[in-house]
Amino acid sequence: QVQLVESGGGLVQAGGSLRLSCAASGSIRRFNTMDWYRQTPGKQRELVAGVTRVGMTNYADSVKGRFTIFRDNPKNTVYLQMNSLKPEDTAVYYCGARNSVYESYLWGQGTQVTVSS
């Protein structure tokens, strides 16, 4: 089974940047969408950004203009570049992959992002 491993989280000052990585143990070309979600205690996991096999991207309104999702197919890795980070971006960030919107996600283990004021 393909596994997803997130990395790159950490503690950063507001206004700073982080780049999250989601490395797959197999080809990410098998997935129609590769997405980044985030979750805080008591909240539903929310979609942050996604990229499809054909290169289409979408972003939550709260991160538009600040976050960029991009895919490196040869490395089987999807990245989330996070700039101008805000304290409200603090969450556990999860990589999710699925074949279509009608299928279930395959999830990574998550990586903690903490943004200080």
PDB file of N, CA and C in Angstrom:
ATOM      1  N   GLN A   1       0.834  -1.184   0.000  1.00  0.00           N
ATOM      2  CA  GLN A   1       0.000   0.000   0.000  1.00  0.00           C
ATOM      3  C   GLN A   1       0.878   1.246   0.000  1.00  0.00           C
ATOM      4  N   VAL A   2       0.486   2.234  -0.775  1.00  0.00           N
ATOM      5  CA  VAL A   2       1.205   3.491  -0.816  1.00  0.00           C
ATOM      6  C   VAL A   2       1.075   4.189   0.534  1.00  0.00           C
ATOM      7  N   GLN A   3       2.177   4.745   0.992  1.00  0.00           N
ATOM      8  CA  GLN A   3       2.185   5.512   2.222  1.00  0.00           C
ATOM      9  C   GLN A   3       2.555   6.953   1.932  1.00  0.00           C
ATOM     10  N   LEU A   4       1.981   7.849   2.707  1.00  0.00           N
ATOM     11  CA  LEU A   4       2.269   9.270   2.599  1.00  0.00           C
ATOM     12  C   LEU A   4       2.938   9.725   3.881  1.00  0.00           C
ATOM     13  N   VAL A   5       4.022  10.452   3.750  1.00  0.00           N
ATOM     14  CA  VAL A   5       4.769  10.927   4.904  1.00  0.00           C
ATOM     15  C   VAL A   5       4.960  12.427   4.786  1.00  0.00           C
ATOM     16  N   GLU A   6       4.386  13.154   5.738  1.00  0.00           N
ATOM     17  CA  GLU A   6       4.541  14.599   5.769  1.00  0.00           C
ATOM     18  C   GLU A   6       5.776  14.985   6.570  1.00  0.00           C
ATOM     19  N   SER A   7       6.353  16.089   6.193  1.00  0.00           N
ATOM     20  CA  SER A   7       7.465  16.651   6.933  1.00  0.00           C
ATOM     21  C   SER A   7       7.524  18.147   6.668  1.00  0.00           C
ATOM     22  N   GLY A   8       8.332  18.840   7.430  1.00  0.00           N
ATOM     23  CA  GLY A   8       8.549  20.255   7.212  1.00  0.00           C
ATOM     24  C   GLY A   8       7.856  21.172   8.186  1.00  0.00           C
ATOM     25  N   GLY A   9       7.023  20.617   9.045  1.00  0.00           N
ATOM     26  CA  GLY A   9       6.360  21.442  10.032  1.00  0.00           C
ATOM     27  C   GLY A   9       7.332  21.922  11.092  1.00  0.00           C
ATOM     28  N   GLY A  10       6.858  22.845  11.900  1.00  0.00           N
ATOM     29  CA  GLY A  10       7.689  23.377  12.959  1.00  0.00           C
ATOM     30  C   GLY A  10       7.102  24.629  13.543  1.00  0.00           C
ATOM     31  N   LEU A  11       7.921  25.316  14.294  1.00  0.00           N
ATOM     32  CA  LEU A  11       7.533  26.566  14.934  1.00  0.00           C
ATOM     33  C   LEU A  11       8.102  27.722  14.140  1.00  0.00           C
ATOM     34  N   VAL A  12       7.253  28.667  13.808  1.00  0.00           N
ATOM     35  CA  VAL A  12       7.683  29.808  13.020  1.00  0.00           C
ATOM     36  C   VAL A  12       6.980  31.062  13.518  1.00  0.00           C
ATOM     37  N   GLN A  13       7.653  32.171  13.391  1.00  0.00           N
ATOM     38  CA  GLN A  13       7.076  33.450  13.769  1.00  0.00           C
ATOM     39  C   GLN A  13       6.059  33.909  12.731  1.00  0.00           C
ATOM     40  N   ALA A  14       5.042  34.620  13.176  1.00  0.00           N
ATOM     41  CA  ALA A  14       4.077  35.187  12.249  1.00  0.00           C
ATOM     42  C   ALA A  14       4.795  35.991  11.168  1.00  0.00           C
ATOM     43  N   GLY A  15       4.357  35.802   9.937  1.00  0.00           N
ATOM     44  CA  GLY A  15       5.001  36.435   8.806  1.00  0.00           C
ATOM     45  C   GLY A  15       6.077  35.589   8.164  1.00  0.00           C
ATOM     46  N   GLY A  16       6.454  34.525   8.821  1.00  0.00           N
ATOM     47  CA  GLY A  16       7.475  33.647   8.304  1.00  0.00           C
ATOM     48  C   GLY A  16       6.929  32.627   7.327  1.00  0.00           C
ATOM     49  N   SER A  17       7.801  31.722   6.924  1.00  0.00           N
ATOM     50  CA  SER A  17       7.457  30.737   5.905  1.00  0.00           C
ATOM     51  C   SER A  17       7.877  29.340   6.317  1.00  0.00           C
ATOM     52  N   LEU A  18       7.151  28.373   5.819  1.00  0.00           N
ATOM     53  CA  LEU A  18       7.495  26.968   5.940  1.00  0.00           C
ATOM     54  C   LEU A  18       7.142  26.276   4.640  1.00  0.00           C
ATOM     55  N   ARG A  19       7.854  25.222   4.347  1.00  0.00           N
ATOM     56  CA  ARG A  19       7.501  24.380   3.220  1.00  0.00           C
ATOM     57  C   ARG A  19       7.249  22.969   3.710  1.00  0.00           C
ATOM     58  N   LEU A  20       6.038  22.511   3.538  1.00  0.00           N
ATOM     59  CA  LEU A  20       5.670  21.164   3.914  1.00  0.00           C
ATOM     60  C   LEU A  20       5.866  20.224   2.734  1.00  0.00           C
ATOM     61  N   SER A  21       6.291  19.023   3.037  1.00  0.00           N
ATOM     62  CA  SER A  21       6.484  18.006   2.017  1.00  0.00           C
ATOM     63  C   SER A  21       5.599  16.809   2.306  1.00  0.00           C
ATOM     64  N   CYS A  22       5.067  16.237   1.267  1.00  0.00           N
ATOM     65  CA  CYS A  22       4.309  14.999   1.357  1.00  0.00           C
ATOM     66  C   CYS A  22       4.941  14.019   0.389  1.00  0.00           C
ATOM     67  N   ALA A  23       5.697  13.095   0.932  1.00  0.00           N
ATOM     68  CA  ALA A  23       6.404  12.123   0.121  1.00  0.00           C
ATOM     69  C   ALA A  23       5.618  10.821   0.073  1.00  0.00           C
ATOM     70  N   ALA A  24       5.370  10.340  -1.118  1.00  0.00           N
ATOM     71  CA  ALA A  24       4.653   9.091  -1.312  1.00  0.00           C
ATOM     72  C   ALA A  24       5.630   7.961  -1.576  1.00  0.00           C
ATOM     73  N   SER A  25       5.297   6.779  -1.080  1.00  0.00           N
ATOM     74  CA  SER A  25       6.150   5.616  -1.286  1.00  0.00           C
ATOM     75  C   SER A  25       6.007   5.028  -2.681  1.00  0.00           C
ATOM     76  N   GLY A  26       5.039   5.520  -3.433  1.00  0.00           N
ATOM     77  CA  GLY A  26       4.838   5.119  -4.805  1.00  0.00           C
ATOM     78  C   GLY A  26       4.538   6.324  -5.663  1.00  0.00           C
ATOM     79  N   SER A  27       4.285   6.080  -6.920  1.00  0.00           N
ATOM     80  CA  SER A  27       4.008   7.168  -7.846  1.00  0.00           C
ATOM     81  C   SER A  27       2.752   7.926  -7.442  1.00  0.00           C
ATOM     82  N   ILE A  28       2.861   9.244  -7.406  1.00  0.00           N
ATOM     83  CA  ILE A  28       1.690  10.053  -7.096  1.00  0.00           C
ATOM     84  C   ILE A  28       0.794  10.232  -8.315  1.00  0.00           C
ATOM     85  N   ARG A  29       1.252   9.750  -9.442  1.00  0.00           N
ATOM     86  CA  ARG A  29       0.449   9.842 -10.661  1.00  0.00           C
ATOM     87  C   ARG A  29      -0.780   8.956 -10.597  1.00  0.00           C
ATOM     88  N   ARG A  30      -0.807   8.031  -9.655  1.00  0.00           N
ATOM     89  CA  ARG A  30      -1.971   7.172  -9.497  1.00  0.00           C
ATOM     90  C   ARG A  30      -3.126   7.910  -8.837  1.00  0.00           C
ATOM     91  N   PHE A  31      -2.844   9.052  -8.248  1.00  0.00           N
ATOM     92  CA  PHE A  31      -3.861   9.824  -7.560  1.00  0.00           C
ATOM     93  C   PHE A  31      -4.322  10.988  -8.419  1.00  0.00           C
ATOM     94  N   ASN A  32      -5.634  11.140  -8.528  1.00  0.00           N
ATOM     95  CA  ASN A  32      -6.164  12.265  -9.271  1.00  0.00           C
ATOM     96  C   ASN A  32      -5.922  13.581  -8.550  1.00  0.00           C
ATOM     97  N   THR A  33      -6.035  13.544  -7.233  1.00  0.00           N
ATOM     98  CA  THR A  33      -5.825  14.749  -6.440  1.00  0.00           C
ATOM     99  C   THR A  33      -4.877  14.470  -5.282  1.00  0.00           C
ATOM    100  N   MET A  34      -4.043  15.440  -5.006  1.00  0.00           N
ATOM    101  CA  MET A  34      -3.198  15.458  -3.833  1.00  0.00           C
ATOM    102  C   MET A  34      -3.518  16.744  -3.102  1.00  0.00           C
ATOM    103  N   ASP A  35      -3.925  16.618  -1.874  1.00  0.00           N
ATOM    104  CA  ASP A  35      -4.429  17.756  -1.120  1.00  0.00           C
ATOM    105  C   ASP A  35      -3.692  17.917   0.201  1.00  0.00           C
ATOM    106  N   TRP A  36      -3.718  19.133   0.698  1.00  0.00           N
ATOM    107  CA  TRP A  36      -3.291  19.433   2.048  1.00  0.00           C
ATOM    108  C   TRP A  36      -4.499  19.876   2.852  1.00  0.00           C
ATOM    109  N   TYR A  37      -4.697  19.232   3.970  1.00  0.00           N
ATOM    110  CA  TYR A  37      -5.721  19.602   4.934  1.00  0.00           C
ATOM    111  C   TYR A  37      -5.054  20.018   6.228  1.00  0.00           C
ATOM    112  N   ARG A  38      -5.804  20.687   7.069  1.00  0.00           N
ATOM    113  CA  ARG A  38      -5.308  20.999   8.399  1.00  0.00           C
ATOM    114  C   ARG A  38      -6.423  20.817   9.411  1.00  0.00           C
ATOM    115  N   GLN A  39      -6.018  20.554  10.633  1.00  0.00           N
ATOM    116  CA  GLN A  39      -6.978  20.282  11.678  1.00  0.00           C
ATOM    117  C   GLN A  39      -6.461  20.784  13.021  1.00  0.00           C
ATOM    118  N   THR A  40      -7.350  21.426  13.758  1.00  0.00           N
ATOM    119  CA  THR A  40      -7.069  21.846  15.116  1.00  0.00           C
ATOM    120  C   THR A  40      -8.045  21.131  16.042  1.00  0.00           C
ATOM    121  N   PRO A  41      -7.722  21.025  17.335  1.00  0.00           N
ATOM    122  CA  PRO A  41      -8.621  20.327  18.254  1.00  0.00           C
ATOM    123  C   PRO A  41     -10.031  20.894  18.234  1.00  0.00           C
ATOM    124  N   GLY A  42     -11.013  20.014  18.141  1.00  0.00           N
ATOM    125  CA  GLY A  42     -12.403  20.418  18.135  1.00  0.00           C
ATOM    126  C   GLY A  42     -12.914  20.900  16.801  1.00  0.00           C
ATOM    127  N   LYS A  43     -12.064  20.897  15.805  1.00  0.00           N
ATOM    128  CA  LYS A  43     -12.454  21.358  14.478  1.00  0.00           C
ATOM    129  C   LYS A  43     -12.413  20.210  13.480  1.00  0.00           C
ATOM    130  N   GLN A  44     -13.240  20.332  12.449  1.00  0.00           N
ATOM    131  CA  GLN A  44     -13.168  19.384  11.351  1.00  0.00           C
ATOM    132  C   GLN A  44     -11.916  19.640  10.532  1.00  0.00           C
ATOM    133  N   ARG A  45     -11.403  18.582   9.963  1.00  0.00           N
ATOM    134  CA  ARG A  45     -10.294  18.731   9.053  1.00  0.00           C
ATOM    135  C   ARG A  45     -10.753  19.536   7.840  1.00  0.00           C
ATOM    136  N   GLU A  46     -10.017  20.587   7.516  1.00  0.00           N
ATOM    137  CA  GLU A  46     -10.421  21.470   6.438  1.00  0.00           C
ATOM    138  C   GLU A  46      -9.404  21.451   5.309  1.00  0.00           C
ATOM    139  N   LEU A  47      -9.920  21.567   4.107  1.00  0.00           N
ATOM    140  CA  LEU A  47      -9.062  21.605   2.929  1.00  0.00           C
ATOM    141  C   LEU A  47      -8.320  22.925   2.866  1.00  0.00           C
ATOM    142  N   VAL A  48      -7.026  22.848   2.704  1.00  0.00           N
ATOM    143  CA  VAL A  48      -6.181  24.019   2.562  1.00  0.00           C
ATOM    144  C   VAL A  48      -5.841  24.271   1.103  1.00  0.00           C
ATOM    145  N   ALA A  49      -5.388  23.246   0.427  1.00  0.00           N
ATOM    146  CA  ALA A  49      -4.984  23.370  -0.964  1.00  0.00           C
ATOM    147  C   ALA A  49      -4.991  22.006  -1.616  1.00  0.00           C
ATOM    148  N   GLY A  50      -5.176  21.985  -2.919  1.00  0.00           N
ATOM    149  CA  GLY A  50      -5.149  20.742  -3.656  1.00  0.00           C
ATOM    150  C   GLY A  50      -4.608  20.935  -5.053  1.00  0.00           C
ATOM    151  N   VAL A  51      -4.070  19.875  -5.587  1.00  0.00           N
ATOM    152  CA  VAL A  51      -3.567  19.883  -6.955  1.00  0.00           C
ATOM    153  C   VAL A  51      -3.959  18.570  -7.619  1.00  0.00           C
ATOM    154  N   THR A  52      -4.388  18.644  -8.871  1.00  0.00           N
ATOM    155  CA  THR A  52      -4.810  17.463  -9.606  1.00  0.00           C
ATOM    156  C   THR A  52      -3.700  16.979 -10.522  1.00  0.00           C
ATOM    157  N   ARG A  53      -3.931  15.815 -11.113  1.00  0.00           N
ATOM    158  CA  ARG A  53      -2.963  15.252 -12.044  1.00  0.00           C
ATOM    159  C   ARG A  53      -2.764  16.119 -13.271  1.00  0.00           C
ATOM    160  N   VAL A  54      -3.782  16.903 -13.608  1.00  0.00           N
ATOM    161  CA  VAL A  54      -3.664  17.782 -14.770  1.00  0.00           C
ATOM    162  C   VAL A  54      -3.207  19.181 -14.384  1.00  0.00           C
ATOM    163  N   GLY A  55      -2.818  19.352 -13.127  1.00  0.00           N
ATOM    164  CA  GLY A  55      -2.207  20.596 -12.712  1.00  0.00           C
ATOM    165  C   GLY A  55      -3.145  21.657 -12.199  1.00  0.00           C
ATOM    166  N   MET A  56      -4.415  21.342 -12.074  1.00  0.00           N
ATOM    167  CA  MET A  56      -5.353  22.304 -11.526  1.00  0.00           C
ATOM    168  C   MET A  56      -5.164  22.412 -10.022  1.00  0.00           C
ATOM    169  N   THR A  57      -5.227  23.619  -9.520  1.00  0.00           N
ATOM    170  CA  THR A  57      -5.056  23.859  -8.095  1.00  0.00           C
ATOM    171  C   THR A  57      -6.258  24.573  -7.521  1.00  0.00           C
ATOM    172  N   ASN A  58      -6.472  24.380  -6.252  1.00  0.00           N
ATOM    173  CA  ASN A  58      -7.488  25.129  -5.544  1.00  0.00           C
ATOM    174  C   ASN A  58      -7.009  25.390  -4.128  1.00  0.00           C
ATOM    175  N   TYR A  59      -7.492  26.479  -3.564  1.00  0.00           N
ATOM    176  CA  TYR A  59      -7.049  26.914  -2.256  1.00  0.00           C
ATOM    177  C   TYR A  59      -8.230  27.385  -1.429  1.00  0.00           C
ATOM    178  N   ALA A  60      -8.123  27.171  -0.144  1.00  0.00           N
ATOM    179  CA  ALA A  60      -9.065  27.793   0.760  1.00  0.00           C
ATOM    180  C   ALA A  60      -8.896  29.303   0.693  1.00  0.00           C
ATOM    181  N   ASP A  61     -10.002  30.014   0.830  1.00  0.00           N
ATOM    182  CA  ASP A  61      -9.936  31.469   0.766  1.00  0.00           C
ATOM    183  C   ASP A  61      -8.961  32.042   1.791  1.00  0.00           C
ATOM    184  N   SER A  62      -8.855  31.388   2.922  1.00  0.00           N
ATOM    185  CA  SER A  62      -8.019  31.891   3.995  1.00  0.00           C
ATOM    186  C   SER A  62      -6.528  31.839   3.685  1.00  0.00           C
ATOM    187  N   VAL A  63      -6.142  31.063   2.673  1.00  0.00           N
ATOM    188  CA  VAL A  63      -4.723  30.922   2.363  1.00  0.00           C
ATOM    189  C   VAL A  63      -4.370  31.405   0.971  1.00  0.00           C
ATOM    190  N   LYS A  64      -5.353  31.815   0.195  1.00  0.00           N
ATOM    191  CA  LYS A  64      -5.078  32.293  -1.155  1.00  0.00           C
ATOM    192  C   LYS A  64      -4.110  33.465  -1.127  1.00  0.00           C
ATOM    193  N   GLY A  65      -3.141  33.406  -2.003  1.00  0.00           N
ATOM    194  CA  GLY A  65      -2.133  34.444  -2.063  1.00  0.00           C
ATOM    195  C   GLY A  65      -0.983  34.242  -1.113  1.00  0.00           C
ATOM    196  N   ARG A  66      -1.117  33.297  -0.189  1.00  0.00           N
ATOM    197  CA  ARG A  66      -0.064  33.032   0.780  1.00  0.00           C
ATOM    198  C   ARG A  66       0.536  31.640   0.631  1.00  0.00           C
ATOM    199  N   PHE A  67      -0.299  30.671   0.304  1.00  0.00           N
ATOM    200  CA  PHE A  67       0.144  29.285   0.188  1.00  0.00           C
ATOM    201  C   PHE A  67       0.171  28.876  -1.279  1.00  0.00           C
ATOM    202  N   THR A  68       1.088  28.000  -1.607  1.00  0.00           N
ATOM    203  CA  THR A  68       1.173  27.450  -2.946  1.00  0.00           C
ATOM    204  C   THR A  68       1.396  25.950  -2.859  1.00  0.00           C
ATOM    205  N   ILE A  69       0.578  25.200  -3.564  1.00  0.00           N
ATOM    206  CA  ILE A  69       0.762  23.763  -3.641  1.00  0.00           C
ATOM    207  C   ILE A  69       1.382  23.428  -4.986  1.00  0.00           C
ATOM    208  N   PHE A  70       2.352  22.546  -4.977  1.00  0.00           N
ATOM    209  CA  PHE A  70       2.947  22.125  -6.227  1.00  0.00           C
ATOM    210  C   PHE A  70       3.445  20.695  -6.106  1.00  0.00           C
ATOM    211  N   ARG A  71       3.550  20.068  -7.241  1.00  0.00           N
ATOM    212  CA  ARG A  71       3.852  18.645  -7.311  1.00  0.00           C
ATOM    213  C   ARG A  71       5.167  18.412  -8.040  1.00  0.00           C
ATOM    214  N   ASP A  72       5.958  17.521  -7.512  1.00  0.00           N
ATOM    215  CA  ASP A  72       7.185  17.081  -8.153  1.00  0.00           C
ATOM    216  C   ASP A  72       7.020  15.598  -8.430  1.00  0.00           C
ATOM    217  N   ASN A  73       6.534  15.275  -9.602  1.00  0.00           N
ATOM    218  CA  ASN A  73       6.223  13.883  -9.918  1.00  0.00           C
ATOM    219  C   ASN A  73       7.432  12.947  -9.858  1.00  0.00           C
ATOM    220  N   PRO A  74       8.595  13.345 -10.404  1.00  0.00           N
ATOM    221  CA  PRO A  74       9.742  12.436 -10.317  1.00  0.00           C
ATOM    222  C   PRO A  74      10.136  12.090  -8.885  1.00  0.00           C
ATOM    223  N   LYS A  75       9.899  12.999  -7.954  1.00  0.00           N
ATOM    224  CA  LYS A  75      10.209  12.746  -6.554  1.00  0.00           C
ATOM    225  C   LYS A  75       9.033  12.167  -5.787  1.00  0.00           C
ATOM    226  N   ASN A  76       7.903  11.995  -6.476  1.00  0.00           N
ATOM    227  CA  ASN A  76       6.687  11.489  -5.838  1.00  0.00           C
ATOM    228  C   ASN A  76       6.344  12.292  -4.588  1.00  0.00           C
ATOM    229  N   THR A  77       6.455  13.581  -4.717  1.00  0.00           N
ATOM    230  CA  THR A  77       6.286  14.467  -3.579  1.00  0.00           C
ATOM    231  C   THR A  77       5.415  15.658  -3.956  1.00  0.00           C
ATOM    232  N   VAL A  78       4.548  16.025  -3.047  1.00  0.00           N
ATOM    233  CA  VAL A  78       3.745  17.230  -3.168  1.00  0.00           C
ATOM    234  C   VAL A  78       4.141  18.174  -2.044  1.00  0.00           C
ATOM    235  N   TYR A  79       4.273  19.432  -2.373  1.00  0.00           N
ATOM    236  CA  TYR A  79       4.717  20.426  -1.420  1.00  0.00           C
ATOM    237  C   TYR A  79       3.629  21.452  -1.153  1.00  0.00           C
ATOM    238  N   LEU A  80       3.684  22.025   0.010  1.00  0.00           N
ATOM    239  CA  LEU A  80       2.870  23.169   0.338  1.00  0.00           C
ATOM    240  C   LEU A  80       3.798  24.262   0.843  1.00  0.00           C
ATOM    241  N   GLN A  81       4.001  25.270   0.013  1.00  0.00           N
ATOM    242  CA  GLN A  81       4.794  26.412   0.410  1.00  0.00           C
ATOM    243  C   GLN A  81       3.886  27.399   1.131  1.00  0.00           C
ATOM    244  N   MET A  82       4.211  27.691   2.357  1.00  0.00           N
ATOM    245  CA  MET A  82       3.388  28.548   3.190  1.00  0.00           C
ATOM    246  C   MET A  82       4.174  29.808   3.517  1.00  0.00           C
ATOM    247  N   ASN A  83       3.686  30.926   3.028  1.00  0.00           N
ATOM    248  CA  ASN A  83       4.305  32.217   3.278  1.00  0.00           C
ATOM    249  C   ASN A  83       3.357  33.098   4.075  1.00  0.00           C
ATOM    250  N   SER A  84       3.914  34.148   4.635  1.00  0.00           N
ATOM    251  CA  SER A  84       3.118  35.102   5.414  1.00  0.00           C
ATOM    252  C   SER A  84       2.235  34.391   6.431  1.00  0.00           C
ATOM    253  N   LEU A  85       2.832  33.485   7.153  1.00  0.00           N
ATOM    254  CA  LEU A  85       2.069  32.667   8.091  1.00  0.00           C
ATOM    255  C   LEU A  85       1.472  33.501   9.209  1.00  0.00           C
ATOM    256  N   LYS A  86       0.285  33.096   9.611  1.00  0.00           N
ATOM    257  CA  LYS A  86      -0.457  33.756  10.667  1.00  0.00           C
ATOM    258  C   LYS A  86      -0.688  32.786  11.814  1.00  0.00           C
ATOM    259  N   PRO A  87      -0.879  33.293  13.029  1.00  0.00           N
ATOM    260  CA  PRO A  87      -1.170  32.389  14.147  1.00  0.00           C
ATOM    261  C   PRO A  87      -2.355  31.468  13.883  1.00  0.00           C
ATOM    262  N   GLU A  88      -3.348  31.935  13.149  1.00  0.00           N
ATOM    263  CA  GLU A  88      -4.503  31.107  12.854  1.00  0.00           C
ATOM    264  C   GLU A  88      -4.205  29.969  11.887  1.00  0.00           C
ATOM    265  N   ASP A  89      -3.014  29.963  11.314  1.00  0.00           N
ATOM    266  CA  ASP A  89      -2.588  28.843  10.491  1.00  0.00           C
ATOM    267  C   ASP A  89      -2.096  27.670  11.329  1.00  0.00           C
ATOM    268  N   THR A  90      -1.955  27.880  12.618  1.00  0.00           N
ATOM    269  CA  THR A  90      -1.497  26.821  13.507  1.00  0.00           C
ATOM    270  C   THR A  90      -2.453  25.637  13.452  1.00  0.00           C
ATOM    271  N   ALA A  91      -1.915  24.474  13.169  1.00  0.00           N
ATOM    272  CA  ALA A  91      -2.721  23.268  13.029  1.00  0.00           C
ATOM    273  C   ALA A  91      -1.797  22.096  12.741  1.00  0.00           C
ATOM    274  N   VAL A  92      -2.371  20.914  12.781  1.00  0.00           N
ATOM    275  CA  VAL A  92      -1.704  19.755  12.228  1.00  0.00           C
ATOM    276  C   VAL A  92      -2.090  19.683  10.762  1.00  0.00           C
ATOM    277  N   TYR A  93      -1.099  19.627   9.920  1.00  0.00           N
ATOM    278  CA  TYR A  93      -1.326  19.592   8.486  1.00  0.00           C
ATOM    279  C   TYR A  93      -1.171  18.167   7.975  1.00  0.00           C
ATOM    280  N   TYR A  94      -2.158  17.738   7.206  1.00  0.00           N
ATOM    281  CA  TYR A  94      -2.197  16.383   6.687  1.00  0.00           C
ATOM    282  C   TYR A  94      -2.184  16.389   5.168  1.00  0.00           C
ATOM    283  N   CYS A  95      -1.458  15.478   4.623  1.00  0.00           N
ATOM    284  CA  CYS A  95      -1.491  15.221   3.200  1.00  0.00           C
ATOM    285  C   CYS A  95      -2.534  14.150   2.921  1.00  0.00           C
ATOM    286  N   GLY A  96      -3.356  14.384   1.926  1.00  0.00           N
ATOM    287  CA  GLY A  96      -4.356  13.422   1.525  1.00  0.00           C
ATOM    288  C   GLY A  96      -4.329  13.191   0.032  1.00  0.00           C
ATOM    289  N   ALA A  97      -4.575  11.964  -0.366  1.00  0.00           N
ATOM    290  CA  ALA A  97      -4.573  11.603  -1.772  1.00  0.00           C
ATOM    291  C   ALA A  97      -5.778  10.734  -2.076  1.00  0.00           C
ATOM    292  N   ARG A  98      -6.370  10.952  -3.229  1.00  0.00           N
ATOM    293  CA  ARG A  98      -7.487  10.122  -3.647  1.00  0.00           C
ATOM    294  C   ARG A  98      -7.612  10.126  -5.161  1.00  0.00           C
ATOM    295  N   ASN A  99      -8.305   9.131  -5.659  1.00  0.00           N
ATOM    296  CA  ASN A  99      -8.440   8.985  -7.095  1.00  0.00           C
ATOM    297  C   ASN A  99      -9.449   9.956  -7.684  1.00  0.00           C
ATOM    298  N   SER A 100     -10.458  10.293  -6.915  1.00  0.00           N
ATOM    299  CA  SER A 100     -11.481  11.227  -7.361  1.00  0.00           C
ATOM    300  C   SER A 100     -12.231  11.738  -6.150  1.00  0.00           C
ATOM    301  N   VAL A 101     -13.091  12.715  -6.378  1.00  0.00           N
ATOM    302  CA  VAL A 101     -13.892  13.268  -5.294  1.00  0.00           C
ATOM    303  C   VAL A 101     -14.901  12.265  -4.772  1.00  0.00           C
ATOM    304  N   TYR A 102     -15.084  11.170  -5.483  1.00  0.00           N
ATOM    305  CA  TYR A 102     -16.035  10.142  -5.080  1.00  0.00           C
ATOM    306  C   TYR A 102     -15.383   9.026  -4.263  1.00  0.00           C
ATOM    307  N   GLU A 103     -14.077   9.102  -4.070  1.00  0.00           N
ATOM    308  CA  GLU A 103     -13.345   8.067  -3.360  1.00  0.00           C
ATOM    309  C   GLU A 103     -12.807   8.588  -2.034  1.00  0.00           C
ATOM    310  N   SER A 104     -12.378   7.651  -1.199  1.00  0.00           N
ATOM    311  CA  SER A 104     -11.846   8.003   0.106  1.00  0.00           C
ATOM    312  C   SER A 104     -10.394   8.453   0.001  1.00  0.00           C
ATOM    313  N   TYR A 105     -10.000   9.265   0.954  1.00  0.00           N
ATOM    314  CA  TYR A 105      -8.635   9.737   1.025  1.00  0.00           C
ATOM    315  C   TYR A 105      -7.702   8.694   1.627  1.00  0.00           C
ATOM    316  N   LEU A 106      -6.484   8.690   1.139  1.00  0.00           N
ATOM    317  CA  LEU A 106      -5.354   8.093   1.819  1.00  0.00           C
ATOM    318  C   LEU A 106      -4.634   9.224   2.536  1.00  0.00           C
ATOM    319  N   TRP A 107      -4.403   9.056   3.832  1.00  0.00           N
ATOM    320  CA  TRP A 107      -3.847  10.121   4.652  1.00  0.00           C
ATOM    321  C   TRP A 107      -2.435   9.827   5.109  1.00  0.00           C
ATOM    322  N   GLY A 108      -1.675  10.898   5.262  1.00  0.00           N
ATOM    323  CA  GLY A 108      -0.409  10.809   5.954  1.00  0.00           C
ATOM    324  C   GLY A 108      -0.611  10.964   7.444  1.00  0.00           C
ATOM    325  N   GLN A 109       0.487  10.988   8.177  1.00  0.00           N
ATOM    326  CA  GLN A 109       0.418  11.025   9.642  1.00  0.00           C
ATOM    327  C   GLN A 109       0.252  12.429  10.203  1.00  0.00           C
ATOM    328  N   GLY A 110       0.497  13.432   9.399  1.00  0.00           N
ATOM    329  CA  GLY A 110       0.369  14.808   9.828  1.00  0.00           C
ATOM    330  C   GLY A 110       1.674  15.397  10.315  1.00  0.00           C
ATOM    331  N   THR A 111       1.783  16.696  10.181  1.00  0.00           N
ATOM    332  CA  THR A 111       2.932  17.427  10.689  1.00  0.00           C
ATOM    333  C   THR A 111       2.440  18.717  11.335  1.00  0.00           C
ATOM    334  N   GLN A 112       2.972  19.013  12.504  1.00  0.00           N
ATOM    335  CA  GLN A 112       2.509  20.155  13.282  1.00  0.00           C
ATOM    336  C   GLN A 112       3.128  21.445  12.778  1.00  0.00           C
ATOM    337  N   VAL A 113       2.275  22.429  12.567  1.00  0.00           N
ATOM    338  CA  VAL A 113       2.707  23.780  12.243  1.00  0.00           C
ATOM    339  C   VAL A 113       2.216  24.704  13.345  1.00  0.00           C
ATOM    340  N   THR A 114       3.128  25.414  13.956  1.00  0.00           N
ATOM    341  CA  THR A 114       2.783  26.356  15.007  1.00  0.00           C
ATOM    342  C   THR A 114       3.338  27.722  14.640  1.00  0.00           C
ATOM    343  N   VAL A 115       2.459  28.700  14.607  1.00  0.00           N
ATOM    344  CA  VAL A 115       2.840  30.060  14.239  1.00  0.00           C
ATOM    345  C   VAL A 115       2.652  30.950  15.456  1.00  0.00           C
ATOM    346  N   SER A 116       3.718  31.546  15.900  1.00  0.00           N
ATOM    347  CA  SER A 116       3.672  32.417  17.063  1.00  0.00           C
ATOM    348  C   SER A 116       3.358  33.848  16.648  1.00  0.00           C
ATOM    349  N   SER A 117       2.785  34.599  17.584  1.00  0.00           N
ATOM    350  CA  SER A 117       2.425  35.981  17.312  1.00  0.00           C
ATOM    351  C   SER A 117       3.644  36.877  17.266  1.00  0.00           C
TER     352      SER A 117
END
